[in-house]
Structure formats: structure tokens, C-alpha cells
Amino acid sequence: MSEHTISATARSDQGKGASRRLRATGRVPGVVYGAGKDAQSVEFDHKALLRHLKLEAFHASILDLTVDGRKDRVLLRDFQMHPWKEQVQHVDFQRIDLSKPIRVKVP
């Protein structure tokens, strides 16, 4: 079992305007892809996500991601920060198939 669990909500609105509206309400847009499934647009709570991103182990661990009650095992692949604010702009997670080997850089 992973020691890092993060929850998200599926989102249907996409594009620059929708992402800006999300950020204005304290949410962060993101995407979950991989493991032979379609990419899924999601949104996260900014404060909770930022708290996780400050932990080194969060960047190289297999995480438990709960999207609307459904659990997936994921790796953090990328995130974008605002140039001068402490604000997460976007995150990318890759689903992991535990039956296949993966390669990860460990800091």
C-alpha cells in the first residue's frame, strides 16, 4: 500500500478558460494517462496538492490516486508552477500497471 494518497474529481470542461476558472476557485487542473486506458482530465485541491509536492518521496513513489471513488496506482510525471507565486498550474500523473516493469529516476 502506498503511503501517499491523493484524491481528485473528474472534470469535463477543458481549455484555457476552464483551467483559469478552476485555479481561481483554488483547484488545479490535471491529467491521468497510461496503462492502456484513455487519458482522463481531473482536478485537485490546490492546498492538498501543494502540501504533497513539498515532500521528496511524493515525486518518486507509486501513489494511490482516488478519482470519484475509483482507485488507481500512479506516478507523478510532471507539474508546472507559476513563475513567481507558490501556485501549481497543472499536474500530470501516469497510471501504473503493477504487472509490468517500470523505470524511474530516484532523486
C-alpha atoms as a PDB file:
ATOM      1  CA  MET A   1       0.000   0.000   0.000  1.00  0.00           C
ATOM      2  CA  SER A   2       1.261   3.462  -0.863  1.00  0.00           C
ATOM      3  CA  GLU A   3       1.919   5.949   1.898  1.00  0.00           C
ATOM      4  CA  HIS A   4       0.770   8.827  -0.309  1.00  0.00           C
ATOM      5  CA  THR A   5      -2.904   9.049  -1.180  1.00  0.00           C
ATOM      6  CA  ILE A   6      -4.385  11.938  -3.105  1.00  0.00           C
ATOM      7  CA  SER A   7      -7.957  12.474  -4.213  1.00  0.00           C
ATOM      8  CA  ALA A   8      -9.265  14.119  -7.355  1.00  0.00           C
ATOM      9  CA  THR A   9     -12.508  14.841  -9.128  1.00  0.00           C
ATOM     10  CA  ALA A  10     -13.152  14.128 -12.810  1.00  0.00           C
ATOM     11  CA  ARG A  11     -13.756  17.229 -14.925  1.00  0.00           C
ATOM     12  CA  SER A  12     -15.425  17.694 -18.283  1.00  0.00           C
ATOM     13  CA  ASP A  13     -14.587  21.337 -19.075  1.00  0.00           C
ATOM     14  CA  GLN A  14     -11.312  21.746 -20.934  1.00  0.00           C
ATOM     15  CA  GLY A  15      -9.309  24.604 -22.350  1.00  0.00           C
ATOM     16  CA  LYS A  16      -7.590  27.737 -21.122  1.00  0.00           C
ATOM     17  CA  GLY A  17     -10.712  29.464 -19.799  1.00  0.00           C
ATOM     18  CA  ALA A  18     -11.908  26.426 -17.869  1.00  0.00           C
ATOM     19  CA  SER A  19      -8.455  25.934 -16.332  1.00  0.00           C
ATOM     20  CA  ARG A  20      -8.285  29.584 -15.278  1.00  0.00           C
ATOM     21  CA  ARG A  21     -11.707  29.349 -13.643  1.00  0.00           C
ATOM     22  CA  LEU A  22     -10.560  26.243 -11.747  1.00  0.00           C
ATOM     23  CA  ARG A  23      -7.414  27.972 -10.482  1.00  0.00           C
ATOM     24  CA  ALA A  24      -9.445  30.989  -9.365  1.00  0.00           C
ATOM     25  CA  THR A  25     -11.510  28.705  -7.102  1.00  0.00           C
ATOM     26  CA  GLY A  26      -8.481  27.016  -5.501  1.00  0.00           C
ATOM     27  CA  ARG A  27      -8.446  23.931  -7.729  1.00  0.00           C
ATOM     28  CA  VAL A  28      -5.675  22.605 -10.009  1.00  0.00           C
ATOM     29  CA  PRO A  29      -6.313  21.001 -13.419  1.00  0.00           C
ATOM     30  CA  GLY A  30      -4.528  17.766 -14.219  1.00  0.00           C
ATOM     31  CA  VAL A  31      -4.500  14.673 -16.369  1.00  0.00           C
ATOM     32  CA  VAL A  32      -4.127  10.941 -15.670  1.00  0.00           C
ATOM     33  CA  TYR A  33      -2.959   8.738 -18.551  1.00  0.00           C
ATOM     34  CA  GLY A  34      -1.337   5.387 -19.321  1.00  0.00           C
ATOM     35  CA  ALA A  35      -1.776   1.662 -18.606  1.00  0.00           C
ATOM     36  CA  GLY A  36      -3.742   1.163 -21.826  1.00  0.00           C
ATOM     37  CA  LYS A  37      -6.613   3.418 -20.727  1.00  0.00           C
ATOM     38  CA  ASP A  38      -7.803   6.728 -22.134  1.00  0.00           C
ATOM     39  CA  ALA A  39      -6.484   9.955 -20.650  1.00  0.00           C
ATOM     40  CA  GLN A  40      -8.763  11.441 -18.008  1.00  0.00           C
ATOM     41  CA  SER A  41      -8.995  15.128 -17.092  1.00  0.00           C
ATOM     42  CA  VAL A  42      -9.135  15.675 -13.342  1.00  0.00           C
ATOM     43  CA  GLU A  43      -8.985  18.477 -10.784  1.00  0.00           C
ATOM     44  CA  PHE A  44      -7.261  18.601  -7.395  1.00  0.00           C
ATOM     45  CA  ASP A  45      -7.492  20.752  -4.283  1.00  0.00           C
ATOM     46  CA  HIS A  46      -4.576  23.204  -4.508  1.00  0.00           C
ATOM     47  CA  LYS A  47      -3.614  23.229  -0.822  1.00  0.00           C
ATOM     48  CA  ALA A  48      -3.542  19.437  -0.511  1.00  0.00           C
ATOM     49  CA  LEU A  49      -1.594  19.003  -3.760  1.00  0.00           C
ATOM     50  CA  LEU A  50       0.970  21.668  -2.835  1.00  0.00           C
ATOM     51  CA  ARG A  51       1.491  20.023   0.562  1.00  0.00           C
ATOM     52  CA  HIS A  52       2.209  16.691  -1.179  1.00  0.00           C
ATOM     53  CA  LEU A  53       4.527  18.277  -3.766  1.00  0.00           C
ATOM     54  CA  LYS A  54       6.759  19.627  -0.992  1.00  0.00           C
ATOM     55  CA  LEU A  55       7.568  16.044   0.066  1.00  0.00           C
ATOM     56  CA  GLU A  56      10.517  14.492  -1.791  1.00  0.00           C
ATOM     57  CA  ALA A  57       9.092  10.968  -1.675  1.00  0.00           C
ATOM     58  CA  PHE A  58       5.942  12.137  -3.491  1.00  0.00           C
ATOM     59  CA  HIS A  59       7.992  12.727  -6.657  1.00  0.00           C
ATOM     60  CA  ALA A  60       9.385   9.183  -6.957  1.00  0.00           C
ATOM     61  CA  SER A  61       6.844   6.950  -5.217  1.00  0.00           C
ATOM     62  CA  ILE A  62       3.920   4.974  -6.533  1.00  0.00           C
ATOM     63  CA  LEU A  63       0.875   6.900  -5.324  1.00  0.00           C
ATOM     64  CA  ASP A  64      -2.738   5.986  -4.685  1.00  0.00           C
ATOM     65  CA  LEU A  65      -5.000   8.319  -6.652  1.00  0.00           C
ATOM     66  CA  THR A  66      -8.727   8.250  -5.960  1.00  0.00           C
ATOM     67  CA  VAL A  67     -10.862   9.779  -8.722  1.00  0.00           C
ATOM     68  CA  ASP A  68     -14.560   9.883  -7.819  1.00  0.00           C
ATOM     69  CA  GLY A  69     -14.240   6.771  -5.645  1.00  0.00           C
ATOM     70  CA  ARG A  70     -12.128   4.712  -8.083  1.00  0.00           C
ATOM     71  CA  LYS A  71      -8.521   3.991  -7.057  1.00  0.00           C
ATOM     72  CA  ASP A  72      -5.559   3.927  -9.431  1.00  0.00           C
ATOM     73  CA  ARG A  73      -1.845   3.482  -8.810  1.00  0.00           C
ATOM     74  CA  VAL A  74       0.030   6.377 -10.416  1.00  0.00           C
ATOM     75  CA  LEU A  75       3.397   8.125 -10.695  1.00  0.00           C
ATOM     76  CA  LEU A  76       3.817  11.890 -10.796  1.00  0.00           C
ATOM     77  CA  ARG A  77       5.268  12.627 -14.233  1.00  0.00           C
ATOM     78  CA  ASP A  78       5.197  16.426 -14.481  1.00  0.00           C
ATOM     79  CA  PHE A  79       3.889  19.557 -12.818  1.00  0.00           C
ATOM     80  CA  GLN A  80       4.000  23.228 -13.715  1.00  0.00           C
ATOM     81  CA  MET A  81       4.331  26.054 -11.200  1.00  0.00           C
ATOM     82  CA  HIS A  82       3.512  29.745 -11.574  1.00  0.00           C
ATOM     83  CA  PRO A  83       6.729  31.733 -12.257  1.00  0.00           C
ATOM     84  CA  TRP A  84       6.662  33.728  -9.012  1.00  0.00           C
ATOM     85  CA  LYS A  85       3.620  32.668  -6.974  1.00  0.00           C
ATOM     86  CA  GLU A  86       3.548  29.482  -4.949  1.00  0.00           C
ATOM     87  CA  GLN A  87       0.797  28.161  -7.194  1.00  0.00           C
ATOM     88  CA  VAL A  88       0.596  24.839  -9.032  1.00  0.00           C
ATOM     89  CA  GLN A  89      -0.661  25.374 -12.585  1.00  0.00           C
ATOM     90  CA  HIS A  90      -1.065  21.779 -13.835  1.00  0.00           C
ATOM     91  CA  VAL A  91      -0.090  18.188 -12.947  1.00  0.00           C
ATOM     92  CA  ASP A  92       0.380  15.003 -14.987  1.00  0.00           C
ATOM     93  CA  PHE A  93       0.093  11.519 -13.499  1.00  0.00           C
ATOM     94  CA  GLN A  94       0.832   8.227 -15.268  1.00  0.00           C
ATOM     95  CA  ARG A  95      -1.179   5.125 -14.361  1.00  0.00           C
ATOM     96  CA  ILE A  96       0.914   2.119 -13.402  1.00  0.00           C
ATOM     97  CA  ASP A  97       0.217  -1.486 -14.349  1.00  0.00           C
ATOM     98  CA  LEU A  98       1.731  -3.399 -11.430  1.00  0.00           C
ATOM     99  CA  SER A  99       2.243  -6.495 -13.594  1.00  0.00           C
ATOM    100  CA  LYS A 100       4.743  -4.668 -15.858  1.00  0.00           C
ATOM    101  CA  PRO A 101       8.202  -3.299 -15.020  1.00  0.00           C
ATOM    102  CA  ILE A 102       8.720   0.466 -14.858  1.00  0.00           C
ATOM    103  CA  ARG A 103      11.807   2.693 -14.927  1.00  0.00           C
ATOM    104  CA  VAL A 104      12.007   5.608 -12.536  1.00  0.00           C
ATOM    105  CA  LYS A 105      14.728   8.094 -11.629  1.00  0.00           C
ATOM    106  CA  VAL A 106      15.069   8.259  -7.867  1.00  0.00           C
ATOM    107  CA  PRO A 107      16.390  11.574  -6.535  1.00  0.00           C
END
